[in-house]
Each structure stands twice: as structure tokens, then as C-alpha cells.
Amino acid sequence: MLSIDDICELCKDETIQITQHLQLRMREHNIKYDDVINAIMAGEIIEQYPEDYPYPSCLVLGYTQDRNHLHVVCGVGNGLLWLVTAYYPDTNKWEKDHKTRKEREL
């Protein structure tokens, strides 16, 4: 399992690899790189994905510099922090706490 402390340490050391997917999402949703970093540094892990390929990853809930909620998916592998994607939580999919997924209706 990943820990927020380990993720933050890699973030501080700037041992970061940005995926093309993250770059696309940042452009699409007008998310700043500094907001992604801020969300990680002041955030908390809300979901773990230990079976993700190529590296275990997790979902971090944090805040932009303007105090908007931001989700960041990141993984750790080969001594790097891999920033996979970032997005503003959709209120149709997430509860008000932005930590809990809403139940899907069948």
C-alpha cells in the first residue's frame, strides 16, 4: 500500500514523471501543475489500487490553491512518482465529502 508520506517525499524531491494523460486532462479542465502538487502535498489517500499496472497507484483527494477539491491519481515505481490523471470530482459520482463514491443505480 502506498502512503501519503512517501508520495509527498517524492513530490518534494521532484522525482516526478508526468503522463501524457495528465497533460491532456490538465489542458481540458484548466488544471494547473501547481494545483496538482498542492493537492498531493495537502491531500489524503482515499482509494488504493495495488494491482494497477505498471505500478501500484492511489487516488488522492486534495485542494487547489483556490481551495477547490481535486482528485489526483498517482503511482510509485522505479523511485518515481507517476502522475497519471487529475480531475475535479463530479458531484453526480461522488458524495459531498468527495471521498465516497455514490452507489450506482441498476
PDB file of N, CA and C in Angstrom:
ATOM      1  N   MET A   1       0.840  -1.192   0.000  1.00  0.00           N
ATOM      2  CA  MET A   1       0.000   0.000   0.000  1.00  0.00           C
ATOM      3  C   MET A   1       0.884   1.256   0.000  1.00  0.00           C
ATOM      4  N   LEU A   2       0.419   2.231  -0.734  1.00  0.00           N
ATOM      5  CA  LEU A   2       1.148   3.488  -0.785  1.00  0.00           C
ATOM      6  C   LEU A   2       0.785   4.354   0.412  1.00  0.00           C
ATOM      7  N   SER A   3       1.709   5.196   0.840  1.00  0.00           N
ATOM      8  CA  SER A   3       1.426   6.120   1.931  1.00  0.00           C
ATOM      9  C   SER A   3       1.555   7.547   1.418  1.00  0.00           C
ATOM     10  N   ILE A   4       0.759   8.427   1.980  1.00  0.00           N
ATOM     11  CA  ILE A   4       0.807   9.833   1.576  1.00  0.00           C
ATOM     12  C   ILE A   4       2.176  10.427   1.911  1.00  0.00           C
ATOM     13  N   ASP A   5       2.790   9.961   2.980  1.00  0.00           N
ATOM     14  CA  ASP A   5       4.122  10.464   3.345  1.00  0.00           C
ATOM     15  C   ASP A   5       5.155  10.134   2.273  1.00  0.00           C
ATOM     16  N   ASP A   6       5.127   8.895   1.759  1.00  0.00           N
ATOM     17  CA  ASP A   6       6.066   8.501   0.708  1.00  0.00           C
ATOM     18  C   ASP A   6       5.815   9.301  -0.573  1.00  0.00           C
ATOM     19  N   ILE A   7       4.553   9.493  -0.897  1.00  0.00           N
ATOM     20  CA  ILE A   7       4.193  10.254  -2.097  1.00  0.00           C
ATOM     21  C   ILE A   7       4.658  11.704  -1.959  1.00  0.00           C
ATOM     22  N   CYS A   8       4.421  12.291  -0.811  1.00  0.00           N
ATOM     23  CA  CYS A   8       4.842  13.683  -0.580  1.00  0.00           C
ATOM     24  C   CYS A   8       6.357  13.820  -0.634  1.00  0.00           C
ATOM     25  N   GLU A   9       7.068  12.831  -0.121  1.00  0.00           N
ATOM     26  CA  GLU A   9       8.534  12.878  -0.152  1.00  0.00           C
ATOM     27  C   GLU A   9       9.047  12.882  -1.591  1.00  0.00           C
ATOM     28  N   LEU A  10       8.468  12.046  -2.438  1.00  0.00           N
ATOM     29  CA  LEU A  10       8.852  12.041  -3.852  1.00  0.00           C
ATOM     30  C   LEU A  10       8.484  13.365  -4.516  1.00  0.00           C
ATOM     31  N   CYS A  11       7.369  13.922  -4.085  1.00  0.00           N
ATOM     32  CA  CYS A  11       6.929  15.212  -4.623  1.00  0.00           C
ATOM     33  C   CYS A  11       7.927  16.316  -4.250  1.00  0.00           C
ATOM     34  N   LYS A  12       8.376  16.318  -3.019  1.00  0.00           N
ATOM     35  CA  LYS A  12       9.346  17.321  -2.552  1.00  0.00           C
ATOM     36  C   LYS A  12      10.669  17.196  -3.289  1.00  0.00           C
ATOM     37  N   ASP A  13      11.068  15.951  -3.548  1.00  0.00           N
ATOM     38  CA  ASP A  13      12.334  15.698  -4.236  1.00  0.00           C
ATOM     39  C   ASP A  13      12.241  15.960  -5.738  1.00  0.00           C
ATOM     40  N   GLU A  14      11.051  16.223  -6.188  1.00  0.00           N
ATOM     41  CA  GLU A  14      10.783  16.456  -7.610  1.00  0.00           C
ATOM     42  C   GLU A  14      11.197  15.268  -8.471  1.00  0.00           C
ATOM     43  N   THR A  15      11.024  14.069  -7.926  1.00  0.00           N
ATOM     44  CA  THR A  15      11.245  12.858  -8.701  1.00  0.00           C
ATOM     45  C   THR A  15       9.886  12.445  -9.273  1.00  0.00           C
ATOM     46  N   ILE A  16       9.422  13.240 -10.231  1.00  0.00           N
ATOM     47  CA  ILE A  16       8.066  13.132 -10.748  1.00  0.00           C
ATOM     48  C   ILE A  16       8.096  12.850 -12.243  1.00  0.00           C
ATOM     49  N   GLN A  17       7.240  11.931 -12.652  1.00  0.00           N
ATOM     50  CA  GLN A  17       7.039  11.650 -14.073  1.00  0.00           C
ATOM     51  C   GLN A  17       5.576  11.976 -14.398  1.00  0.00           C
ATOM     52  N   ILE A  18       5.372  12.851 -15.364  1.00  0.00           N
ATOM     53  CA  ILE A  18       4.019  13.267 -15.749  1.00  0.00           C
ATOM     54  C   ILE A  18       3.599  12.479 -16.982  1.00  0.00           C
ATOM     55  N   THR A  19       2.438  11.832 -16.911  1.00  0.00           N
ATOM     56  CA  THR A  19       1.957  11.076 -18.062  1.00  0.00           C
ATOM     57  C   THR A  19       1.306  12.011 -19.080  1.00  0.00           C
ATOM     58  N   GLN A  20       1.244  11.536 -20.286  1.00  0.00           N
ATOM     59  CA  GLN A  20       0.583  12.287 -21.347  1.00  0.00           C
ATOM     60  C   GLN A  20      -0.898  12.470 -21.013  1.00  0.00           C
ATOM     61  N   HIS A  21      -1.489  11.467 -20.380  1.00  0.00           N
ATOM     62  CA  HIS A  21      -2.897  11.553 -19.991  1.00  0.00           C
ATOM     63  C   HIS A  21      -3.123  12.715 -19.019  1.00  0.00           C
ATOM     64  N   LEU A  22      -2.235  12.875 -18.059  1.00  0.00           N
ATOM     65  CA  LEU A  22      -2.367  14.000 -17.120  1.00  0.00           C
ATOM     66  C   LEU A  22      -2.266  15.329 -17.862  1.00  0.00           C
ATOM     67  N   GLN A  23      -1.315  15.434 -18.763  1.00  0.00           N
ATOM     68  CA  GLN A  23      -1.165  16.681 -19.512  1.00  0.00           C
ATOM     69  C   GLN A  23      -2.441  17.013 -20.272  1.00  0.00           C
ATOM     70  N   LEU A  24      -3.057  16.022 -20.871  1.00  0.00           N
ATOM     71  CA  LEU A  24      -4.305  16.219 -21.604  1.00  0.00           C
ATOM     72  C   LEU A  24      -5.418  16.684 -20.678  1.00  0.00           C
ATOM     73  N   ARG A  25      -5.576  16.019 -19.543  1.00  0.00           N
ATOM     74  CA  ARG A  25      -6.636  16.383 -18.583  1.00  0.00           C
ATOM     75  C   ARG A  25      -6.411  17.787 -18.010  1.00  0.00           C
ATOM     76  N   MET A  26      -5.168  18.128 -17.766  1.00  0.00           N
ATOM     77  CA  MET A  26      -4.872  19.462 -17.237  1.00  0.00           C
ATOM     78  C   MET A  26      -5.297  20.534 -18.249  1.00  0.00           C
ATOM     79  N   ARG A  27      -5.000  20.290 -19.519  1.00  0.00           N
ATOM     80  CA  ARG A  27      -5.412  21.251 -20.555  1.00  0.00           C
ATOM     81  C   ARG A  27      -6.932  21.302 -20.681  1.00  0.00           C
ATOM     82  N   GLU A  28      -7.571  20.141 -20.700  1.00  0.00           N
ATOM     83  CA  GLU A  28      -9.029  20.067 -20.873  1.00  0.00           C
ATOM     84  C   GLU A  28      -9.792  20.775 -19.760  1.00  0.00           C
ATOM     85  N   HIS A  29      -9.295  20.644 -18.531  1.00  0.00           N
ATOM     86  CA  HIS A  29     -10.028  21.142 -17.364  1.00  0.00           C
ATOM     87  C   HIS A  29      -9.373  22.352 -16.707  1.00  0.00           C
ATOM     88  N   ASN A  30      -8.386  22.907 -17.400  1.00  0.00           N
ATOM     89  CA  ASN A  30      -7.710  24.109 -16.899  1.00  0.00           C
ATOM     90  C   ASN A  30      -7.165  23.906 -15.478  1.00  0.00           C
ATOM     91  N   ILE A  31      -6.481  22.792 -15.308  1.00  0.00           N
ATOM     92  CA  ILE A  31      -5.859  22.463 -14.024  1.00  0.00           C
ATOM     93  C   ILE A  31      -4.382  22.837 -14.112  1.00  0.00           C
ATOM     94  N   LYS A  32      -3.914  23.555 -13.136  1.00  0.00           N
ATOM     95  CA  LYS A  32      -2.514  23.975 -13.110  1.00  0.00           C
ATOM     96  C   LYS A  32      -1.653  22.899 -12.440  1.00  0.00           C
ATOM     97  N   TYR A  33      -0.417  22.801 -12.910  1.00  0.00           N
ATOM     98  CA  TYR A  33       0.525  21.848 -12.318  1.00  0.00           C
ATOM     99  C   TYR A  33       0.693  22.119 -10.822  1.00  0.00           C
ATOM    100  N   ASP A  34       0.796  23.387 -10.441  1.00  0.00           N
ATOM    101  CA  ASP A  34       0.953  23.733  -9.024  1.00  0.00           C
ATOM    102  C   ASP A  34      -0.238  23.262  -8.205  1.00  0.00           C
ATOM    103  N   ASP A  35      -1.421  23.237  -8.808  1.00  0.00           N
ATOM    104  CA  ASP A  35      -2.602  22.745  -8.095  1.00  0.00           C
ATOM    105  C   ASP A  35      -2.534  21.233  -7.883  1.00  0.00           C
ATOM    106  N   VAL A  36      -1.994  20.519  -8.857  1.00  0.00           N
ATOM    107  CA  VAL A  36      -1.821  19.073  -8.711  1.00  0.00           C
ATOM    108  C   VAL A  36      -0.855  18.791  -7.558  1.00  0.00           C
ATOM    109  N   ILE A  37       0.259  19.494  -7.538  1.00  0.00           N
ATOM    110  CA  ILE A  37       1.248  19.310  -6.474  1.00  0.00           C
ATOM    111  C   ILE A  37       0.656  19.712  -5.120  1.00  0.00           C
ATOM    112  N   ASN A  38      -0.045  20.834  -5.073  1.00  0.00           N
ATOM    113  CA  ASN A  38      -0.675  21.289  -3.835  1.00  0.00           C
ATOM    114  C   ASN A  38      -1.671  20.249  -3.318  1.00  0.00           C
ATOM    115  N   ALA A  39      -2.446  19.676  -4.226  1.00  0.00           N
ATOM    116  CA  ALA A  39      -3.432  18.665  -3.831  1.00  0.00           C
ATOM    117  C   ALA A  39      -2.756  17.452  -3.200  1.00  0.00           C
ATOM    118  N   ILE A  40      -1.639  17.042  -3.759  1.00  0.00           N
ATOM    119  CA  ILE A  40      -0.913  15.895  -3.207  1.00  0.00           C
ATOM    120  C   ILE A  40      -0.311  16.254  -1.845  1.00  0.00           C
ATOM    121  N   MET A  41       0.360  17.376  -1.764  1.00  0.00           N
ATOM    122  CA  MET A  41       1.080  17.753  -0.543  1.00  0.00           C
ATOM    123  C   MET A  41       0.141  17.984   0.645  1.00  0.00           C
ATOM    124  N   ALA A  42      -1.069  18.430   0.390  1.00  0.00           N
ATOM    125  CA  ALA A  42      -2.015  18.686   1.484  1.00  0.00           C
ATOM    126  C   ALA A  42      -3.171  17.698   1.459  1.00  0.00           C
ATOM    127  N   GLY A  43      -3.005  16.609   0.704  1.00  0.00           N
ATOM    128  CA  GLY A  43      -4.114  15.696   0.492  1.00  0.00           C
ATOM    129  C   GLY A  43      -4.074  14.446   1.344  1.00  0.00           C
ATOM    130  N   GLU A  44      -5.016  13.575   1.025  1.00  0.00           N
ATOM    131  CA  GLU A  44      -5.105  12.278   1.697  1.00  0.00           C
ATOM    132  C   GLU A  44      -5.481  11.217   0.671  1.00  0.00           C
ATOM    133  N   ILE A  45      -4.984  10.025   0.885  1.00  0.00           N
ATOM    134  CA  ILE A  45      -5.311   8.907   0.002  1.00  0.00           C
ATOM    135  C   ILE A  45      -6.710   8.421   0.367  1.00  0.00           C
ATOM    136  N   ILE A  46      -7.581   8.343  -0.664  1.00  0.00           N
ATOM    137  CA  ILE A  46      -8.948   7.887  -0.398  1.00  0.00           C
ATOM    138  C   ILE A  46      -9.243   6.527  -1.033  1.00  0.00           C
ATOM    139  N   GLU A  47      -8.429   6.116  -1.989  1.00  0.00           N
ATOM    140  CA  GLU A  47      -8.560   4.780  -2.574  1.00  0.00           C
ATOM    141  C   GLU A  47      -7.166   4.280  -2.948  1.00  0.00           C
ATOM    142  N   GLN A  48      -6.975   2.967  -2.799  1.00  0.00           N
ATOM    143  CA  GLN A  48      -5.712   2.327  -3.174  1.00  0.00           C
ATOM    144  C   GLN A  48      -5.982   1.368  -4.330  1.00  0.00           C
ATOM    145  N   TYR A  49      -5.057   1.319  -5.292  1.00  0.00           N
ATOM    146  CA  TYR A  49      -5.150   0.412  -6.429  1.00  0.00           C
ATOM    147  C   TYR A  49      -3.854  -0.400  -6.514  1.00  0.00           C
ATOM    148  N   PRO A  50      -3.657  -1.354  -5.597  1.00  0.00           N
ATOM    149  CA  PRO A  50      -2.380  -2.075  -5.529  1.00  0.00           C
ATOM    150  C   PRO A  50      -2.095  -2.948  -6.756  1.00  0.00           C
ATOM    151  N   GLU A  51      -3.108  -3.292  -7.504  1.00  0.00           N
ATOM    152  CA  GLU A  51      -2.926  -4.171  -8.667  1.00  0.00           C
ATOM    153  C   GLU A  51      -2.738  -3.407  -9.972  1.00  0.00           C
ATOM    154  N   ASP A  52      -2.720  -2.066  -9.929  1.00  0.00           N
ATOM    155  CA  ASP A  52      -2.555  -1.278 -11.155  1.00  0.00           C
ATOM    156  C   ASP A  52      -1.246  -1.611 -11.849  1.00  0.00           C
ATOM    157  N   TYR A  53      -1.276  -1.506 -13.164  1.00  0.00           N
ATOM    158  CA  TYR A  53      -0.096  -1.755 -13.989  1.00  0.00           C
ATOM    159  C   TYR A  53       0.318  -0.445 -14.639  1.00  0.00           C
ATOM    160  N   PRO A  54       1.558  -0.114 -14.691  1.00  0.00           N
ATOM    161  CA  PRO A  54       2.713  -0.938 -14.324  1.00  0.00           C
ATOM    162  C   PRO A  54       3.119  -0.815 -12.857  1.00  0.00           C
ATOM    163  N   TYR A  55       2.505   0.146 -12.116  1.00  0.00           N
ATOM    164  CA  TYR A  55       2.872   0.340 -10.712  1.00  0.00           C
ATOM    165  C   TYR A  55       1.618   0.498  -9.867  1.00  0.00           C
ATOM    166  N   PRO A  56       1.696   0.126  -8.595  1.00  0.00           N
ATOM    167  CA  PRO A  56       0.573   0.392  -7.702  1.00  0.00           C
ATOM    168  C   PRO A  56       0.265   1.891  -7.696  1.00  0.00           C
ATOM    169  N   SER A  57      -1.010   2.207  -7.598  1.00  0.00           N
ATOM    170  CA  SER A  57      -1.388   3.620  -7.597  1.00  0.00           C
ATOM    171  C   SER A  57      -2.462   3.873  -6.547  1.00  0.00           C
ATOM    172  N   CYS A  58      -2.836   5.129  -6.431  1.00  0.00           N
ATOM    173  CA  CYS A  58      -3.851   5.511  -5.462  1.00  0.00           C
ATOM    174  C   CYS A  58      -4.552   6.786  -5.928  1.00  0.00           C
ATOM    175  N   LEU A  59      -5.675   7.063  -5.305  1.00  0.00           N
ATOM    176  CA  LEU A  59      -6.425   8.285  -5.566  1.00  0.00           C
ATOM    177  C   LEU A  59      -6.266   9.202  -4.362  1.00  0.00           C
ATOM    178  N   VAL A  60      -5.778  10.399  -4.624  1.00  0.00           N
ATOM    179  CA  VAL A  60      -5.569  11.394  -3.569  1.00  0.00           C
ATOM    180  C   VAL A  60      -6.635  12.477  -3.707  1.00  0.00           C
ATOM    181  N   LEU A  61      -7.236  12.834  -2.592  1.00  0.00           N
ATOM    182  CA  LEU A  61      -8.137  13.981  -2.537  1.00  0.00           C
ATOM    183  C   LEU A  61      -7.392  15.121  -1.885  1.00  0.00           C
ATOM    184  N   GLY A  62      -7.317  16.230  -2.588  1.00  0.00           N
ATOM    185  CA  GLY A  62      -6.661  17.414  -2.056  1.00  0.00           C
ATOM    186  C   GLY A  62      -7.371  18.658  -2.546  1.00  0.00           C
ATOM    187  N   TYR A  63      -6.678  19.757  -2.468  1.00  0.00           N
ATOM    188  CA  TYR A  63      -7.264  21.047  -2.830  1.00  0.00           C
ATOM    189  C   TYR A  63      -6.327  21.822  -3.743  1.00  0.00           C
ATOM    190  N   THR A  64      -6.952  22.581  -4.640  1.00  0.00           N
ATOM    191  CA  THR A  64      -6.180  23.512  -5.457  1.00  0.00           C
ATOM    192  C   THR A  64      -5.788  24.688  -4.572  1.00  0.00           C
ATOM    193  N   GLN A  65      -4.991  25.585  -5.102  1.00  0.00           N
ATOM    194  CA  GLN A  65      -4.598  26.770  -4.340  1.00  0.00           C
ATOM    195  C   GLN A  65      -5.800  27.679  -4.071  1.00  0.00           C
ATOM    196  N   ASP A  66      -6.858  27.535  -4.900  1.00  0.00           N
ATOM    197  CA  ASP A  66      -8.090  28.296  -4.688  1.00  0.00           C
ATOM    198  C   ASP A  66      -9.088  27.549  -3.812  1.00  0.00           C
ATOM    199  N   ARG A  67      -8.650  26.450  -3.200  1.00  0.00           N
ATOM    200  CA  ARG A  67      -9.444  25.634  -2.268  1.00  0.00           C
ATOM    201  C   ARG A  67     -10.572  24.855  -2.940  1.00  0.00           C
ATOM    202  N   ASN A  68     -10.409  24.519  -4.220  1.00  0.00           N
ATOM    203  CA  ASN A  68     -11.345  23.624  -4.894  1.00  0.00           C
ATOM    204  C   ASN A  68     -10.865  22.193  -4.701  1.00  0.00           C
ATOM    205  N   HIS A  69     -11.799  21.265  -4.531  1.00  0.00           N
ATOM    206  CA  HIS A  69     -11.434  19.857  -4.407  1.00  0.00           C
ATOM    207  C   HIS A  69     -10.819  19.376  -5.715  1.00  0.00           C
ATOM    208  N   LEU A  70      -9.800  18.534  -5.577  1.00  0.00           N
ATOM    209  CA  LEU A  70      -9.149  17.966  -6.753  1.00  0.00           C
ATOM    210  C   LEU A  70      -8.770  16.522  -6.445  1.00  0.00           C
ATOM    211  N   HIS A  71      -9.067  15.625  -7.377  1.00  0.00           N
ATOM    212  CA  HIS A  71      -8.626  14.239  -7.289  1.00  0.00           C
ATOM    213  C   HIS A  71      -7.394  14.071  -8.169  1.00  0.00           C
ATOM    214  N   VAL A  72      -6.397  13.375  -7.640  1.00  0.00           N
ATOM    215  CA  VAL A  72      -5.173  13.084  -8.394  1.00  0.00           C
ATOM    216  C   VAL A  72      -4.897  11.589  -8.258  1.00  0.00           C
ATOM    217  N   VAL A  73      -4.732  10.925  -9.397  1.00  0.00           N
ATOM    218  CA  VAL A  73      -4.319   9.525  -9.391  1.00  0.00           C
ATOM    219  C   VAL A  73      -2.818   9.505  -9.640  1.00  0.00           C
ATOM    220  N   CYS A  74      -2.105   8.839  -8.743  1.00  0.00           N
ATOM    221  CA  CYS A  74      -0.652   8.763  -8.884  1.00  0.00           C
ATOM    222  C   CYS A  74      -0.176   7.376  -8.467  1.00  0.00           C
ATOM    223  N   GLY A  75       0.966   7.011  -8.992  1.00  0.00           N
ATOM    224  CA  GLY A  75       1.575   5.733  -8.670  1.00  0.00           C
ATOM    225  C   GLY A  75       3.034   5.922  -8.315  1.00  0.00           C
ATOM    226  N   VAL A  76       3.620   4.881  -7.756  1.00  0.00           N
ATOM    227  CA  VAL A  76       5.028   4.931  -7.382  1.00  0.00           C
ATOM    228  C   VAL A  76       5.709   3.705  -7.964  1.00  0.00           C
ATOM    229  N   GLY A  77       6.811   3.973  -8.684  1.00  0.00           N
ATOM    230  CA  GLY A  77       7.592   2.879  -9.248  1.00  0.00           C
ATOM    231  C   GLY A  77       8.919   3.377  -9.765  1.00  0.00           C
ATOM    232  N   ASN A  78       9.927   2.544  -9.658  1.00  0.00           N
ATOM    233  CA  ASN A  78      11.290   2.888 -10.097  1.00  0.00           C
ATOM    234  C   ASN A  78      11.785   4.180  -9.446  1.00  0.00           C
ATOM    235  N   GLY A  79      11.384   4.410  -8.208  1.00  0.00           N
ATOM    236  CA  GLY A  79      11.848   5.589  -7.487  1.00  0.00           C
ATOM    237  C   GLY A  79      11.212   6.892  -7.940  1.00  0.00           C
ATOM    238  N   LEU A  80      10.153   6.797  -8.752  1.00  0.00           N
ATOM    239  CA  LEU A  80       9.479   7.991  -9.270  1.00  0.00           C
ATOM    240  C   LEU A  80       8.027   8.041  -8.820  1.00  0.00           C
ATOM    241  N   LEU A  81       7.520   9.261  -8.727  1.00  0.00           N
ATOM    242  CA  LEU A  81       6.093   9.492  -8.523  1.00  0.00           C
ATOM    243  C   LEU A  81       5.493   9.716  -9.901  1.00  0.00           C
ATOM    244  N   TRP A  82       4.596   8.844 -10.309  1.00  0.00           N
ATOM    245  CA  TRP A  82       3.947   8.924 -11.610  1.00  0.00           C
ATOM    246  C   TRP A  82       2.595   9.609 -11.444  1.00  0.00           C
ATOM    247  N   LEU A  83       2.439  10.773 -12.038  1.00  0.00           N
ATOM    248  CA  LEU A  83       1.166  11.489 -12.003  1.00  0.00           C
ATOM    249  C   LEU A  83       0.363  11.037 -13.217  1.00  0.00           C
ATOM    250  N   VAL A  84      -0.729  10.340 -12.956  1.00  0.00           N
ATOM    251  CA  VAL A  84      -1.495   9.667 -14.008  1.00  0.00           C
ATOM    252  C   VAL A  84      -2.620  10.546 -14.541  1.00  0.00           C
ATOM    253  N   THR A  85      -3.419  11.104 -13.638  1.00  0.00           N
ATOM    254  CA  THR A  85      -4.526  11.965 -14.056  1.00  0.00           C
ATOM    255  C   THR A  85      -4.951  12.845 -12.894  1.00  0.00           C
ATOM    256  N   ALA A  86      -5.700  13.871 -13.228  1.00  0.00           N
ATOM    257  CA  ALA A  86      -6.256  14.774 -12.215  1.00  0.00           C
ATOM    258  C   ALA A  86      -7.591  15.277 -12.739  1.00  0.00           C
ATOM    259  N   TYR A  87      -8.531  15.458 -11.835  1.00  0.00           N
ATOM    260  CA  TYR A  87      -9.849  15.943 -12.235  1.00  0.00           C
ATOM    261  C   TYR A  87     -10.574  16.509 -11.025  1.00  0.00           C
ATOM    262  N   TYR A  88     -11.546  17.360 -11.319  1.00  0.00           N
ATOM    263  CA  TYR A  88     -12.424  17.878 -10.278  1.00  0.00           C
ATOM    264  C   TYR A  88     -13.513  16.844 -10.051  1.00  0.00           C
ATOM    265  N   PRO A  89     -13.757  16.432  -8.809  1.00  0.00           N
ATOM    266  CA  PRO A  89     -14.757  15.398  -8.552  1.00  0.00           C
ATOM    267  C   PRO A  89     -16.137  15.821  -9.053  1.00  0.00           C
ATOM    268  N   ASP A  90     -16.794  14.911  -9.747  1.00  0.00           N
ATOM    269  CA  ASP A  90     -18.137  15.121 -10.283  1.00  0.00           C
ATOM    270  C   ASP A  90     -19.152  14.823  -9.179  1.00  0.00           C
ATOM    271  N   THR A  91     -19.998  15.786  -8.877  1.00  0.00           N
ATOM    272  CA  THR A  91     -20.982  15.606  -7.795  1.00  0.00           C
ATOM    273  C   THR A  91     -22.026  14.547  -8.128  1.00  0.00           C
ATOM    274  N   ASN A  92     -22.117  14.144  -9.397  1.00  0.00           N
ATOM    275  CA  ASN A  92     -23.019  13.042  -9.761  1.00  0.00           C
ATOM    276  C   ASN A  92     -22.408  11.687  -9.418  1.00  0.00           C
ATOM    277  N   LYS A  93     -21.092  11.649  -9.237  1.00  0.00           N
ATOM    278  CA  LYS A  93     -20.394  10.394  -8.961  1.00  0.00           C
ATOM    279  C   LYS A  93     -19.853  10.288  -7.541  1.00  0.00           C
ATOM    280  N   TRP A  94     -19.705  11.445  -6.872  1.00  0.00           N
ATOM    281  CA  TRP A  94     -19.090  11.476  -5.545  1.00  0.00           C
ATOM    282  C   TRP A  94     -20.028  12.136  -4.544  1.00  0.00           C
ATOM    283  N   GLU A  95     -20.006  11.620  -3.321  1.00  0.00           N
ATOM    284  CA  GLU A  95     -20.782  12.228  -2.236  1.00  0.00           C
ATOM    285  C   GLU A  95     -20.205  13.601  -1.914  1.00  0.00           C
ATOM    286  N   LYS A  96     -20.893  14.335  -1.054  1.00  0.00           N
ATOM    287  CA  LYS A  96     -20.467  15.703  -0.718  1.00  0.00           C
ATOM    288  C   LYS A  96     -19.073  15.762  -0.110  1.00  0.00           C
ATOM    289  N   ASP A  97     -18.645  14.681   0.531  1.00  0.00           N
ATOM    290  CA  ASP A  97     -17.308  14.676   1.134  1.00  0.00           C
ATOM    291  C   ASP A  97     -16.197  14.497   0.089  1.00  0.00           C
ATOM    292  N   HIS A  98     -16.581  14.183  -1.147  1.00  0.00           N
ATOM    293  CA  HIS A  98     -15.658  13.963  -2.272  1.00  0.00           C
ATOM    294  C   HIS A  98     -14.734  12.772  -2.035  1.00  0.00           C
ATOM    295  N   LYS A  99     -15.021  11.982  -0.995  1.00  0.00           N
ATOM    296  CA  LYS A  99     -14.220  10.807  -0.676  1.00  0.00           C
ATOM    297  C   LYS A  99     -14.959   9.507  -0.998  1.00  0.00           C
ATOM    298  N   THR A 100     -16.279   9.585  -1.020  1.00  0.00           N
ATOM    299  CA  THR A 100     -17.107   8.387  -1.136  1.00  0.00           C
ATOM    300  C   THR A 100     -17.814   8.385  -2.489  1.00  0.00           C
ATOM    301  N   ARG A 101     -17.642   7.277  -3.198  1.00  0.00           N
ATOM    302  CA  ARG A 101     -18.343   7.143  -4.479  1.00  0.00           C
ATOM    303  C   ARG A 101     -19.829   6.924  -4.215  1.00  0.00           C
ATOM    304  N   LYS A 102     -20.657   7.530  -5.036  1.00  0.00           N
ATOM    305  CA  LYS A 102     -22.093   7.292  -4.931  1.00  0.00           C
ATOM    306  C   LYS A 102     -22.395   5.900  -5.476  1.00  0.00           C
ATOM    307  N   GLU A 103     -23.410   5.295  -4.892  1.00  0.00           N
ATOM    308  CA  GLU A 103     -23.839   3.997  -5.357  1.00  0.00           C
ATOM    309  C   GLU A 103     -24.443   4.118  -6.750  1.00  0.00           C
ATOM    310  N   ARG A 104     -24.101   3.201  -7.596  1.00  0.00           N
ATOM    311  CA  ARG A 104     -24.671   3.185  -8.941  1.00  0.00           C
ATOM    312  C   ARG A 104     -26.042   2.561  -8.896  1.00  0.00           C
ATOM    313  N   GLU A 105     -26.980   3.183  -9.587  1.00  0.00           N
ATOM    314  CA  GLU A 105     -28.324   2.602  -9.677  1.00  0.00           C
ATOM    315  C   GLU A 105     -28.322   1.564 -10.776  1.00  0.00           C
ATOM    316  N   LEU A 106     -29.009   0.450 -10.514  1.00  0.00           N
ATOM    317  CA  LEU A 106     -29.068  -0.630 -11.519  1.00  0.00           C
ATOM    318  C   LEU A 106     -30.243  -0.438 -12.438  1.00  0.00           C
TER     319      LEU A 106
END
